[in-house]
mmCIF file of all heavy atoms, coordinates in Angstrom:
data_MODEL
# 
_entry.id   MODEL 
# 
loop_
_atom_site.group_PDB 
_atom_site.id 
_atom_site.type_symbol 
_atom_site.label_atom_id 
_atom_site.label_alt_id 
_atom_site.label_comp_id 
_atom_site.label_asym_id 
_atom_site.label_entity_id 
_atom_site.label_seq_id 
_atom_site.pdbx_PDB_ins_code 
_atom_site.Cartn_x 
_atom_site.Cartn_y 
_atom_site.Cartn_z 
_atom_site.occupancy 
_atom_site.B_iso_or_equiv 
_atom_site.pdbx_formal_charge 
_atom_site.auth_seq_id 
_atom_site.auth_comp_id 
_atom_site.auth_asym_id 
_atom_site.auth_atom_id 
_atom_site.pdbx_PDB_model_num 
ATOM 1   N N   . GLU A 1 1  ? 105.704 197.717 174.798 1.00 0.00 ? 1  GLU A N   1 
ATOM 2   C CA  . GLU A 1 1  ? 105.473 198.342 176.106 1.00 0.00 ? 1  GLU A CA  1 
ATOM 3   C C   . GLU A 1 1  ? 105.091 199.810 175.935 1.00 0.00 ? 1  GLU A C   1 
ATOM 4   O O   . GLU A 1 1  ? 104.172 200.304 176.604 1.00 0.00 ? 1  GLU A O   1 
ATOM 5   C CB  . GLU A 1 1  ? 106.742 198.234 176.961 1.00 0.00 ? 1  GLU A CB  1 
ATOM 6   C CG  . GLU A 1 1  ? 107.071 196.831 177.432 1.00 0.00 ? 1  GLU A CG  1 
ATOM 7   C CD  . GLU A 1 1  ? 108.389 196.773 178.182 1.00 0.00 ? 1  GLU A CD  1 
ATOM 8   O OE1 . GLU A 1 1  ? 109.297 197.559 177.841 1.00 0.00 ? 1  GLU A OE1 1 
ATOM 9   O OE2 . GLU A 1 1  ? 108.515 195.946 179.104 1.00 0.00 ? 1  GLU A OE2 1 
ATOM 10  N N   . LEU A 1 2  ? 105.786 200.491 175.043 1.00 0.00 ? 2  LEU A N   1 
ATOM 11  C CA  . LEU A 1 2  ? 105.494 201.903 174.800 1.00 0.00 ? 2  LEU A CA  1 
ATOM 12  C C   . LEU A 1 2  ? 104.082 202.091 174.245 1.00 0.00 ? 2  LEU A C   1 
ATOM 13  O O   . LEU A 1 2  ? 103.333 202.958 174.715 1.00 0.00 ? 2  LEU A O   1 
ATOM 14  C CB  . LEU A 1 2  ? 106.508 202.494 173.817 1.00 0.00 ? 2  LEU A CB  1 
ATOM 15  C CG  . LEU A 1 2  ? 106.209 203.905 173.313 1.00 0.00 ? 2  LEU A CG  1 
ATOM 16  C CD1 . LEU A 1 2  ? 106.245 204.905 174.463 1.00 0.00 ? 2  LEU A CD1 1 
ATOM 17  C CD2 . LEU A 1 2  ? 107.176 204.306 172.213 1.00 0.00 ? 2  LEU A CD2 1 
ATOM 18  N N   . LEU A 1 3  ? 103.703 201.273 173.276 1.00 0.00 ? 3  LEU A N   1 
ATOM 19  C CA  . LEU A 1 3  ? 102.401 201.427 172.648 1.00 0.00 ? 3  LEU A CA  1 
ATOM 20  C C   . LEU A 1 3  ? 101.264 201.106 173.620 1.00 0.00 ? 3  LEU A C   1 
ATOM 21  O O   . LEU A 1 3  ? 100.215 201.761 173.600 1.00 0.00 ? 3  LEU A O   1 
ATOM 22  C CB  . LEU A 1 3  ? 102.315 200.543 171.403 1.00 0.00 ? 3  LEU A CB  1 
ATOM 23  C CG  . LEU A 1 3  ? 103.294 200.915 170.280 1.00 0.00 ? 3  LEU A CG  1 
ATOM 24  C CD1 . LEU A 1 3  ? 103.137 199.966 169.094 1.00 0.00 ? 3  LEU A CD1 1 
ATOM 25  C CD2 . LEU A 1 3  ? 103.105 202.363 169.840 1.00 0.00 ? 3  LEU A CD2 1 
ATOM 26  N N   . ASN A 1 4  ? 101.461 200.116 174.482 1.00 0.00 ? 4  ASN A N   1 
ATOM 27  C CA  . ASN A 1 4  ? 100.447 199.814 175.505 1.00 0.00 ? 4  ASN A CA  1 
ATOM 28  C C   . ASN A 1 4  ? 100.308 200.974 176.488 1.00 0.00 ? 4  ASN A C   1 
ATOM 29  O O   . ASN A 1 4  ? 99.206  201.322 176.906 1.00 0.00 ? 4  ASN A O   1 
ATOM 30  C CB  . ASN A 1 4  ? 100.820 198.528 176.248 1.00 0.00 ? 4  ASN A CB  1 
ATOM 31  C CG  . ASN A 1 4  ? 100.614 197.285 175.406 1.00 0.00 ? 4  ASN A CG  1 
ATOM 32  O OD1 . ASN A 1 4  ? 99.777  197.269 174.506 1.00 0.00 ? 4  ASN A OD1 1 
ATOM 33  N ND2 . ASN A 1 4  ? 101.374 196.241 175.690 1.00 0.00 ? 4  ASN A ND2 1 
ATOM 34  N N   . PHE A 1 5  ? 101.450 201.556 176.845 1.00 0.00 ? 5  PHE A N   1 
ATOM 35  C CA  . PHE A 1 5  ? 101.451 202.701 177.760 1.00 0.00 ? 5  PHE A CA  1 
ATOM 36  C C   . PHE A 1 5  ? 100.727 203.886 177.114 1.00 0.00 ? 5  PHE A C   1 
ATOM 37  O O   . PHE A 1 5  ? 99.937  204.585 177.763 1.00 0.00 ? 5  PHE A O   1 
ATOM 38  C CB  . PHE A 1 5  ? 102.895 203.072 178.102 1.00 0.00 ? 5  PHE A CB  1 
ATOM 39  C CG  . PHE A 1 5  ? 103.042 204.103 179.180 1.00 0.00 ? 5  PHE A CG  1 
ATOM 40  C CD1 . PHE A 1 5  ? 102.985 203.756 180.521 1.00 0.00 ? 5  PHE A CD1 1 
ATOM 41  C CD2 . PHE A 1 5  ? 103.255 205.446 178.852 1.00 0.00 ? 5  PHE A CD2 1 
ATOM 42  C CE1 . PHE A 1 5  ? 103.133 204.713 181.523 1.00 0.00 ? 5  PHE A CE1 1 
ATOM 43  C CE2 . PHE A 1 5  ? 103.407 206.402 179.840 1.00 0.00 ? 5  PHE A CE2 1 
ATOM 44  C CZ  . PHE A 1 5  ? 103.345 206.035 181.178 1.00 0.00 ? 5  PHE A CZ  1 
ATOM 45  N N   . ALA A 1 6  ? 100.992 204.116 175.828 1.00 0.00 ? 6  ALA A N   1 
ATOM 46  C CA  . ALA A 1 6  ? 100.342 205.210 175.103 1.00 0.00 ? 6  ALA A CA  1 
ATOM 47  C C   . ALA A 1 6  ? 98.835  205.007 175.055 1.00 0.00 ? 6  ALA A C   1 
ATOM 48  O O   . ALA A 1 6  ? 98.059  205.967 175.209 1.00 0.00 ? 6  ALA A O   1 
ATOM 49  C CB  . ALA A 1 6  ? 100.914 205.293 173.687 1.00 0.00 ? 6  ALA A CB  1 
ATOM 50  N N   . LYS A 1 7  ? 98.413  203.778 174.862 1.00 0.00 ? 7  LYS A N   1 
ATOM 51  C CA  . LYS A 1 7  ? 96.980  203.476 174.818 1.00 0.00 ? 7  LYS A CA  1 
ATOM 52  C C   . LYS A 1 7  ? 96.329  203.770 176.170 1.00 0.00 ? 7  LYS A C   1 
ATOM 53  O O   . LYS A 1 7  ? 95.229  204.339 176.237 1.00 0.00 ? 7  LYS A O   1 
ATOM 54  C CB  . LYS A 1 7  ? 96.769  202.013 174.437 1.00 0.00 ? 7  LYS A CB  1 
ATOM 55  C CG  . LYS A 1 7  ? 95.311  201.601 174.299 1.00 0.00 ? 7  LYS A CG  1 
ATOM 56  C CD  . LYS A 1 7  ? 95.191  200.155 173.859 1.00 0.00 ? 7  LYS A CD  1 
ATOM 57  C CE  . LYS A 1 7  ? 93.725  199.752 173.714 1.00 0.00 ? 7  LYS A CE  1 
ATOM 58  N NZ  . LYS A 1 7  ? 93.590  198.319 173.301 1.00 0.00 ? 7  LYS A NZ  1 
ATOM 59  N N   . GLN A 1 8  ? 97.010  203.403 177.266 1.00 0.00 ? 8  GLN A N   1 
ATOM 60  C CA  . GLN A 1 8  ? 96.479  203.648 178.602 1.00 0.00 ? 8  GLN A CA  1 
ATOM 61  C C   . GLN A 1 8  ? 96.318  205.143 178.867 1.00 0.00 ? 8  GLN A C   1 
ATOM 62  O O   . GLN A 1 8  ? 95.404  205.558 179.583 1.00 0.00 ? 8  GLN A O   1 
ATOM 63  C CB  . GLN A 1 8  ? 97.405  203.029 179.647 1.00 0.00 ? 8  GLN A CB  1 
ATOM 64  C CG  . GLN A 1 8  ? 97.452  201.505 179.619 1.00 0.00 ? 8  GLN A CG  1 
ATOM 65  C CD  . GLN A 1 8  ? 98.557  200.947 180.500 1.00 0.00 ? 8  GLN A CD  1 
ATOM 66  O OE1 . GLN A 1 8  ? 99.193  201.684 181.257 1.00 0.00 ? 8  GLN A OE1 1 
ATOM 67  N NE2 . GLN A 1 8  ? 98.810  199.655 180.388 1.00 0.00 ? 8  GLN A NE2 1 
ATOM 68  N N   . HIS A 1 9  ? 97.203  205.957 178.286 1.00 0.00 ? 9  HIS A N   1 
ATOM 69  C CA  . HIS A 1 9  ? 97.157  207.404 178.510 1.00 0.00 ? 9  HIS A CA  1 
ATOM 70  C C   . HIS A 1 9  ? 96.369  208.138 177.426 1.00 0.00 ? 9  HIS A C   1 
ATOM 71  O O   . HIS A 1 9  ? 96.349  209.368 177.419 1.00 0.00 ? 9  HIS A O   1 
ATOM 72  C CB  . HIS A 1 9  ? 98.590  207.966 178.591 1.00 0.00 ? 9  HIS A CB  1 
ATOM 73  C CG  . HIS A 1 9  ? 99.278  207.662 179.882 1.00 0.00 ? 9  HIS A CG  1 
ATOM 74  N ND1 . HIS A 1 9  ? 99.731  206.394 180.211 1.00 0.00 ? 9  HIS A ND1 1 
ATOM 75  C CD2 . HIS A 1 9  ? 99.562  208.441 180.963 1.00 0.00 ? 9  HIS A CD2 1 
ATOM 76  C CE1 . HIS A 1 9  ? 100.283 206.420 181.407 1.00 0.00 ? 9  HIS A CE1 1 
ATOM 77  N NE2 . HIS A 1 9  ? 100.184 207.641 181.885 1.00 0.00 ? 9  HIS A NE2 1 
ATOM 78  N N   . GLN A 1 10 ? 95.770  207.360 176.516 1.00 0.00 ? 10 GLN A N   1 
ATOM 79  C CA  . GLN A 1 10 ? 94.935  207.923 175.446 1.00 0.00 ? 10 GLN A CA  1 
ATOM 80  C C   . GLN A 1 10 ? 95.716  208.895 174.565 1.00 0.00 ? 10 GLN A C   1 
ATOM 81  O O   . GLN A 1 10 ? 95.204  209.944 174.142 1.00 0.00 ? 10 GLN A O   1 
ATOM 82  C CB  . GLN A 1 10 ? 93.683  208.606 176.039 1.00 0.00 ? 10 GLN A CB  1 
ATOM 83  C CG  . GLN A 1 10 ? 92.787  207.632 176.801 1.00 0.00 ? 10 GLN A CG  1 
ATOM 84  C CD  . GLN A 1 10 ? 91.541  208.299 177.365 1.00 0.00 ? 10 GLN A CD  1 
ATOM 85  O OE1 . GLN A 1 10 ? 91.527  209.488 177.668 1.00 0.00 ? 10 GLN A OE1 1 
ATOM 86  N NE2 . GLN A 1 10 ? 90.470  207.529 177.496 1.00 0.00 ? 10 GLN A NE2 1 
ATOM 87  N N   . TRP A 1 11 ? 96.968  208.541 174.288 1.00 0.00 ? 11 TRP A N   1 
ATOM 88  C CA  . TRP A 1 11 ? 97.764  209.305 173.349 1.00 0.00 ? 11 TRP A CA  1 
ATOM 89  C C   . TRP A 1 11 ? 97.447  208.849 171.927 1.00 0.00 ? 11 TRP A C   1 
ATOM 90  O O   . TRP A 1 11 ? 97.074  207.693 171.696 1.00 0.00 ? 11 TRP A O   1 
ATOM 91  C CB  . TRP A 1 11 ? 99.261  209.113 173.625 1.00 0.00 ? 11 TRP A CB  1 
ATOM 92  C CG  . TRP A 1 11 ? 99.711  209.679 174.942 1.00 0.00 ? 11 TRP A CG  1 
ATOM 93  C CD1 . TRP A 1 11 ? 99.091  210.617 175.703 1.00 0.00 ? 11 TRP A CD1 1 
ATOM 94  C CD2 . TRP A 1 11 ? 100.902 209.322 175.651 1.00 0.00 ? 11 TRP A CD2 1 
ATOM 95  N NE1 . TRP A 1 11 ? 99.808  210.890 176.839 1.00 0.00 ? 11 TRP A NE1 1 
ATOM 96  C CE2 . TRP A 1 11 ? 100.935 210.111 176.840 1.00 0.00 ? 11 TRP A CE2 1 
ATOM 97  C CE3 . TRP A 1 11 ? 101.956 208.452 175.413 1.00 0.00 ? 11 TRP A CE3 1 
ATOM 98  C CZ2 . TRP A 1 11 ? 101.962 210.027 177.765 1.00 0.00 ? 11 TRP A CZ2 1 
ATOM 99  C CZ3 . TRP A 1 11 ? 102.989 208.361 176.333 1.00 0.00 ? 11 TRP A CZ3 1 
ATOM 100 C CH2 . TRP A 1 11 ? 102.992 209.146 177.500 1.00 0.00 ? 11 TRP A CH2 1 
ATOM 101 N N   . VAL A 1 12 ? 97.631  209.730 170.983 1.00 0.00 ? 12 VAL A N   1 
ATOM 102 C CA  . VAL A 1 12 ? 97.373  209.407 169.581 1.00 0.00 ? 12 VAL A CA  1 
ATOM 103 C C   . VAL A 1 12 ? 98.635  208.810 168.972 1.00 0.00 ? 12 VAL A C   1 
ATOM 104 O O   . VAL A 1 12 ? 99.698  209.458 168.957 1.00 0.00 ? 12 VAL A O   1 
ATOM 105 C CB  . VAL A 1 12 ? 96.945  210.657 168.791 1.00 0.00 ? 12 VAL A CB  1 
ATOM 106 C CG1 . VAL A 1 12 ? 96.717  210.311 167.324 1.00 0.00 ? 12 VAL A CG1 1 
ATOM 107 C CG2 . VAL A 1 12 ? 95.683  211.263 169.400 1.00 0.00 ? 12 VAL A CG2 1 
ATOM 108 N N   . VAL A 1 13 ? 98.517  207.587 168.462 1.00 0.00 ? 13 VAL A N   1 
ATOM 109 C CA  . VAL A 1 13 ? 99.659  206.872 167.900 1.00 0.00 ? 13 VAL A CA  1 
ATOM 110 C C   . VAL A 1 13 ? 99.535  206.825 166.380 1.00 0.00 ? 13 VAL A C   1 
ATOM 111 O O   . VAL A 1 13 ? 98.499  206.433 165.839 1.00 0.00 ? 13 VAL A O   1 
ATOM 112 C CB  . VAL A 1 13 ? 99.738  205.436 168.466 1.00 0.00 ? 13 VAL A CB  1 
ATOM 113 C CG1 . VAL A 1 13 ? 100.872 204.670 167.798 1.00 0.00 ? 13 VAL A CG1 1 
ATOM 114 C CG2 . VAL A 1 13 ? 99.925  205.475 169.973 1.00 0.00 ? 13 VAL A CG2 1 
ATOM 115 N N   . SER A 1 14 ? 100.599 207.236 165.687 1.00 0.00 ? 14 SER A N   1 
ATOM 116 C CA  . SER A 1 14 ? 100.621 207.206 164.220 1.00 0.00 ? 14 SER A CA  1 
ATOM 117 C C   . SER A 1 14 ? 101.704 206.229 163.768 1.00 0.00 ? 14 SER A C   1 
ATOM 118 O O   . SER A 1 14 ? 102.887 206.597 163.716 1.00 0.00 ? 14 SER A O   1 
ATOM 119 C CB  . SER A 1 14 ? 100.904 208.601 163.654 1.00 0.00 ? 14 SER A CB  1 
ATOM 120 O OG  . SER A 1 14 ? 101.067 208.541 162.250 1.00 0.00 ? 14 SER A OG  1 
ATOM 121 N N   . PRO A 1 15 ? 101.340 204.979 163.441 1.00 0.00 ? 15 PRO A N   1 
ATOM 122 C CA  . PRO A 1 15 ? 102.336 203.999 162.984 1.00 0.00 ? 15 PRO A CA  1 
ATOM 123 C C   . PRO A 1 15 ? 103.062 204.433 161.722 1.00 0.00 ? 15 PRO A C   1 
ATOM 124 O O   . PRO A 1 15 ? 104.252 204.157 161.565 1.00 0.00 ? 15 PRO A O   1 
ATOM 125 C CB  . PRO A 1 15 ? 101.487 202.747 162.738 1.00 0.00 ? 15 PRO A CB  1 
ATOM 126 C CG  . PRO A 1 15 ? 100.275 202.931 163.585 1.00 0.00 ? 15 PRO A CG  1 
ATOM 127 C CD  . PRO A 1 15 ? 99.999  204.397 163.535 1.00 0.00 ? 15 PRO A CD  1 
ATOM 128 N N   . SER A 1 16 ? 102.363 205.124 160.820 1.00 0.00 ? 16 SER A N   1 
ATOM 129 C CA  . SER A 1 16 ? 102.994 205.529 159.565 1.00 0.00 ? 16 SER A CA  1 
ATOM 130 C C   . SER A 1 16 ? 104.090 206.569 159.805 1.00 0.00 ? 16 SER A C   1 
ATOM 131 O O   . SER A 1 16 ? 105.158 206.530 159.182 1.00 0.00 ? 16 SER A O   1 
ATOM 132 C CB  . SER A 1 16 ? 101.941 206.092 158.601 1.00 0.00 ? 16 SER A CB  1 
ATOM 133 O OG  . SER A 1 16 ? 101.292 207.215 159.172 1.00 0.00 ? 16 SER A OG  1 
ATOM 134 N N   . GLU A 1 17 ? 103.830 207.498 160.727 1.00 0.00 ? 17 GLU A N   1 
ATOM 135 C CA  . GLU A 1 17 ? 104.822 208.518 161.045 1.00 0.00 ? 17 GLU A CA  1 
ATOM 136 C C   . GLU A 1 17 ? 105.754 208.097 162.181 1.00 0.00 ? 17 GLU A C   1 
ATOM 137 O O   . GLU A 1 17 ? 106.732 208.790 162.471 1.00 0.00 ? 17 GLU A O   1 
ATOM 138 C CB  . GLU A 1 17 ? 104.122 209.823 161.435 1.00 0.00 ? 17 GLU A CB  1 
ATOM 139 C CG  . GLU A 1 17 ? 103.280 210.431 160.333 1.00 0.00 ? 17 GLU A CG  1 
ATOM 140 C CD  . GLU A 1 17 ? 102.607 211.720 160.771 1.00 0.00 ? 17 GLU A CD  1 
ATOM 141 O OE1 . GLU A 1 17 ? 102.895 212.166 161.911 1.00 0.00 ? 17 GLU A OE1 1 
ATOM 142 O OE2 . GLU A 1 17 ? 101.814 212.275 160.001 1.00 0.00 ? 17 GLU A OE2 1 
ATOM 143 N N   . LYS A 1 18 ? 105.406 206.975 162.810 1.00 0.00 ? 18 LYS A N   1 
ATOM 144 C CA  . LYS A 1 18 ? 106.174 206.496 163.967 1.00 0.00 ? 18 LYS A CA  1 
ATOM 145 C C   . LYS A 1 18 ? 106.301 207.615 165.005 1.00 0.00 ? 18 LYS A C   1 
ATOM 146 O O   . LYS A 1 18 ? 107.385 207.923 165.508 1.00 0.00 ? 18 LYS A O   1 
ATOM 147 C CB  . LYS A 1 18 ? 107.546 205.984 163.546 1.00 0.00 ? 18 LYS A CB  1 
ATOM 148 C CG  . LYS A 1 18 ? 107.488 204.758 162.658 1.00 0.00 ? 18 LYS A CG  1 
ATOM 149 C CD  . LYS A 1 18 ? 108.881 204.216 162.347 1.00 0.00 ? 18 LYS A CD  1 
ATOM 150 C CE  . LYS A 1 18 ? 108.786 202.953 161.502 1.00 0.00 ? 18 LYS A CE  1 
ATOM 151 N NZ  . LYS A 1 18 ? 110.102 202.390 161.190 1.00 0.00 ? 18 LYS A NZ  1 
ATOM 152 N N   . ARG A 1 19 ? 105.154 208.168 165.350 1.00 0.00 ? 19 ARG A N   1 
ATOM 153 C CA  . ARG A 1 19 ? 105.123 209.317 166.247 1.00 0.00 ? 19 ARG A CA  1 
ATOM 154 C C   . ARG A 1 19 ? 103.903 209.252 167.165 1.00 0.00 ? 19 ARG A C   1 
ATOM 155 O O   . ARG A 1 19 ? 102.847 208.751 166.771 1.00 0.00 ? 19 ARG A O   1 
ATOM 156 C CB  . ARG A 1 19 ? 105.091 210.611 165.426 1.00 0.00 ? 19 ARG A CB  1 
ATOM 157 C CG  . ARG A 1 19 ? 105.025 211.900 166.228 1.00 0.00 ? 19 ARG A CG  1 
ATOM 158 C CD  . ARG A 1 19 ? 105.169 213.100 165.322 1.00 0.00 ? 19 ARG A CD  1 
ATOM 159 N NE  . ARG A 1 19 ? 106.537 213.235 164.839 1.00 0.00 ? 19 ARG A NE  1 
ATOM 160 C CZ  . ARG A 1 19 ? 107.513 213.876 165.491 1.00 0.00 ? 19 ARG A CZ  1 
ATOM 161 N NH1 . ARG A 1 19 ? 107.252 214.468 166.663 1.00 0.00 ? 19 ARG A NH1 1 
ATOM 162 N NH2 . ARG A 1 19 ? 108.722 213.953 165.003 1.00 0.00 ? 19 ARG A NH2 1 
ATOM 163 N N   . ILE A 1 20 ? 104.088 209.721 168.385 1.00 0.00 ? 20 ILE A N   1 
ATOM 164 C CA  . ILE A 1 20 ? 103.004 209.816 169.356 1.00 0.00 ? 20 ILE A CA  1 
ATOM 165 C C   . ILE A 1 20 ? 102.647 211.286 169.546 1.00 0.00 ? 20 ILE A C   1 
ATOM 166 O O   . ILE A 1 20 ? 103.527 212.126 169.772 1.00 0.00 ? 20 ILE A O   1 
ATOM 167 C CB  . ILE A 1 20 ? 103.410 209.198 170.710 1.00 0.00 ? 20 ILE A CB  1 
ATOM 168 C CG1 . ILE A 1 20 ? 103.581 207.685 170.580 1.00 0.00 ? 20 ILE A CG1 1 
ATOM 169 C CG2 . ILE A 1 20 ? 102.378 209.517 171.782 1.00 0.00 ? 20 ILE A CG2 1 
ATOM 170 C CD1 . ILE A 1 20 ? 104.111 207.030 171.828 1.00 0.00 ? 20 ILE A CD1 1 
ATOM 171 N N   . THR A 1 21 ? 101.358 211.596 169.446 1.00 0.00 ? 21 THR A N   1 
ATOM 172 C CA  . THR A 1 21 ? 100.886 212.959 169.662 1.00 0.00 ? 21 THR A CA  1 
ATOM 173 C C   . THR A 1 21 ? 100.102 213.014 170.966 1.00 0.00 ? 21 THR A C   1 
ATOM 174 O O   . THR A 1 21 ? 99.266  212.147 171.236 1.00 0.00 ? 21 THR A O   1 
ATOM 175 C CB  . THR A 1 21 ? 99.977  213.418 168.500 1.00 0.00 ? 21 THR A CB  1 
ATOM 176 O OG1 . THR A 1 21 ? 100.735 213.355 167.286 1.00 0.00 ? 21 THR A OG1 1 
ATOM 177 C CG2 . THR A 1 21 ? 99.489  214.836 168.726 1.00 0.00 ? 21 THR A CG2 1 
ATOM 178 N N   . PHE A 1 22 ? 100.392 214.044 171.758 1.00 0.00 ? 22 PHE A N   1 
ATOM 179 C CA  . PHE A 1 22 ? 99.772  214.166 173.072 1.00 0.00 ? 22 PHE A CA  1 
ATOM 180 C C   . PHE A 1 22 ? 98.547  215.063 172.992 1.00 0.00 ? 22 PHE A C   1 
ATOM 181 O O   . PHE A 1 22 ? 98.541  216.053 172.245 1.00 0.00 ? 22 PHE A O   1 
ATOM 182 C CB  . PHE A 1 22 ? 100.779 214.713 174.079 1.00 0.00 ? 22 PHE A CB  1 
ATOM 183 C CG  . PHE A 1 22 ? 102.069 213.945 174.095 1.00 0.00 ? 22 PHE A CG  1 
ATOM 184 C CD1 . PHE A 1 22 ? 103.241 214.508 173.609 1.00 0.00 ? 22 PHE A CD1 1 
ATOM 185 C CD2 . PHE A 1 22 ? 102.096 212.635 174.557 1.00 0.00 ? 22 PHE A CD2 1 
ATOM 186 C CE1 . PHE A 1 22 ? 104.416 213.781 173.611 1.00 0.00 ? 22 PHE A CE1 1 
ATOM 187 C CE2 . PHE A 1 22 ? 103.275 211.914 174.557 1.00 0.00 ? 22 PHE A CE2 1 
ATOM 188 C CZ  . PHE A 1 22 ? 104.440 212.482 174.080 1.00 0.00 ? 22 PHE A CZ  1 
ATOM 189 N N   . PRO A 1 23 ? 97.510  214.759 173.759 1.00 0.00 ? 23 PRO A N   1 
ATOM 190 C CA  . PRO A 1 23 ? 96.285  215.562 173.709 1.00 0.00 ? 23 PRO A CA  1 
ATOM 191 C C   . PRO A 1 23 ? 96.526  216.980 174.213 1.00 0.00 ? 23 PRO A C   1 
ATOM 192 O O   . PRO A 1 23 ? 97.284  217.197 175.159 1.00 0.00 ? 23 PRO A O   1 
ATOM 193 C CB  . PRO A 1 23 ? 95.315  214.803 174.615 1.00 0.00 ? 23 PRO A CB  1 
ATOM 194 C CG  . PRO A 1 23 ? 96.207  214.028 175.543 1.00 0.00 ? 23 PRO A CG  1 
ATOM 195 C CD  . PRO A 1 23 ? 97.410  213.652 174.734 1.00 0.00 ? 23 PRO A CD  1 
ATOM 196 N N   . LYS A 1 24 ? 95.866  217.945 173.559 1.00 0.00 ? 24 LYS A N   1 
ATOM 197 C CA  . LYS A 1 24 ? 96.002  219.330 173.987 1.00 0.00 ? 24 LYS A CA  1 
ATOM 198 C C   . LYS A 1 24 ? 95.055  219.613 175.144 1.00 0.00 ? 24 LYS A C   1 
ATOM 199 O O   . LYS A 1 24 ? 93.900  219.222 175.128 1.00 0.00 ? 24 LYS A O   1 
ATOM 200 C CB  . LYS A 1 24 ? 95.673  220.274 172.825 1.00 0.00 ? 24 LYS A CB  1 
ATOM 201 C CG  . LYS A 1 24 ? 96.698  220.244 171.703 1.00 0.00 ? 24 LYS A CG  1 
ATOM 202 C CD  . LYS A 1 24 ? 96.341  221.255 170.634 1.00 0.00 ? 24 LYS A CD  1 
ATOM 203 C CE  . LYS A 1 24 ? 97.377  221.260 169.521 1.00 0.00 ? 24 LYS A CE  1 
ATOM 204 N NZ  . LYS A 1 24 ? 97.043  222.243 168.462 1.00 0.00 ? 24 LYS A NZ  1 
ATOM 205 N N   . THR A 1 25 ? 95.564  220.301 176.145 1.00 0.00 ? 25 THR A N   1 
ATOM 206 C CA  . THR A 1 25 ? 94.739  220.728 177.270 1.00 0.00 ? 25 THR A CA  1 
ATOM 207 C C   . THR A 1 25 ? 95.020  222.200 177.536 1.00 0.00 ? 25 THR A C   1 
ATOM 208 O O   . THR A 1 25 ? 95.984  222.773 177.017 1.00 0.00 ? 25 THR A O   1 
ATOM 209 C CB  . THR A 1 25 ? 95.053  219.926 178.548 1.00 0.00 ? 25 THR A CB  1 
ATOM 210 O OG1 . THR A 1 25 ? 96.407  220.210 178.950 1.00 0.00 ? 25 THR A OG1 1 
ATOM 211 C CG2 . THR A 1 25 ? 94.917  218.429 178.296 1.00 0.00 ? 25 THR A CG2 1 
ATOM 212 N N   . ALA A 1 26 ? 94.196  222.788 178.368 1.00 0.00 ? 26 ALA A N   1 
ATOM 213 C CA  . ALA A 1 26 ? 94.398  224.204 178.696 1.00 0.00 ? 26 ALA A CA  1 
ATOM 214 C C   . ALA A 1 26 ? 95.740  224.420 179.355 1.00 0.00 ? 26 ALA A C   1 
ATOM 215 O O   . ALA A 1 26 ? 96.354  225.472 179.246 1.00 0.00 ? 26 ALA A O   1 
ATOM 216 C CB  . ALA A 1 26 ? 93.277  224.684 179.614 1.00 0.00 ? 26 ALA A CB  1 
ATOM 217 N N   . GLU A 1 27 ? 96.237  223.352 180.024 1.00 0.00 ? 27 GLU A N   1 
ATOM 218 C CA  . GLU A 1 27 ? 97.481  223.492 180.772 1.00 0.00 ? 27 GLU A CA  1 
ATOM 219 C C   . GLU A 1 27 ? 98.694  223.443 179.868 1.00 0.00 ? 27 GLU A C   1 
ATOM 220 O O   . GLU A 1 27 ? 99.687  224.112 180.118 1.00 0.00 ? 27 GLU A O   1 
ATOM 221 C CB  . GLU A 1 27 ? 97.580  222.376 181.832 1.00 0.00 ? 27 GLU A CB  1 
ATOM 222 C CG  . GLU A 1 27 ? 98.747  222.558 182.790 1.00 0.00 ? 27 GLU A CG  1 
ATOM 223 C CD  . GLU A 1 27 ? 98.730  221.527 183.901 1.00 0.00 ? 27 GLU A CD  1 
ATOM 224 O OE1 . GLU A 1 27 ? 97.856  220.653 183.891 1.00 0.00 ? 27 GLU A OE1 1 
ATOM 225 O OE2 . GLU A 1 27 ? 99.601  221.615 184.777 1.00 0.00 ? 27 GLU A OE2 1 
ATOM 226 N N   . ASN A 1 28 ? 98.631  222.637 178.789 1.00 0.00 ? 28 ASN A N   1 
ATOM 227 C CA  . ASN A 1 28 ? 99.826  222.526 177.960 1.00 0.00 ? 28 ASN A CA  1 
ATOM 228 C C   . ASN A 1 28 ? 99.734  223.314 176.659 1.00 0.00 ? 28 ASN A C   1 
ATOM 229 O O   . ASN A 1 28 ? 100.539 223.126 175.766 1.00 0.00 ? 28 ASN A O   1 
ATOM 230 C CB  . ASN A 1 28 ? 100.150 221.055 177.669 1.00 0.00 ? 28 ASN A CB  1 
ATOM 231 C CG  . ASN A 1 28 ? 99.085  220.349 176.856 1.00 0.00 ? 28 ASN A CG  1 
ATOM 232 O OD1 . ASN A 1 28 ? 98.217  220.989 176.295 1.00 0.00 ? 28 ASN A OD1 1 
ATOM 233 N ND2 . ASN A 1 28 ? 99.158  219.028 176.811 1.00 0.00 ? 28 ASN A ND2 1 
ATOM 234 N N   . THR A 1 29 ? 98.741  224.192 176.535 1.00 0.00 ? 29 THR A N   1 
ATOM 235 C CA  . THR A 1 29 ? 98.727  225.068 175.373 1.00 0.00 ? 29 THR A CA  1 
ATOM 236 C C   . THR A 1 29 ? 99.747  226.196 175.527 1.00 0.00 ? 29 THR A C   1 
ATOM 237 O O   . THR A 1 29 ? 100.166 226.797 174.553 1.00 0.00 ? 29 THR A O   1 
ATOM 238 C CB  . THR A 1 29 ? 97.334  225.691 175.171 1.00 0.00 ? 29 THR A CB  1 
ATOM 239 O OG1 . THR A 1 29 ? 96.911  226.292 176.393 1.00 0.00 ? 29 THR A OG1 1 
ATOM 240 C CG2 . THR A 1 29 ? 96.323  224.624 174.756 1.00 0.00 ? 29 THR A CG2 1 
# 
């Protein structure tokens, strides 16, 4: 469920690190 949700939000998923990285925007810099 988490991985499908991450895909819908275009988050970067790293199975090797077991970590989700969020895209950088002007708002969250």
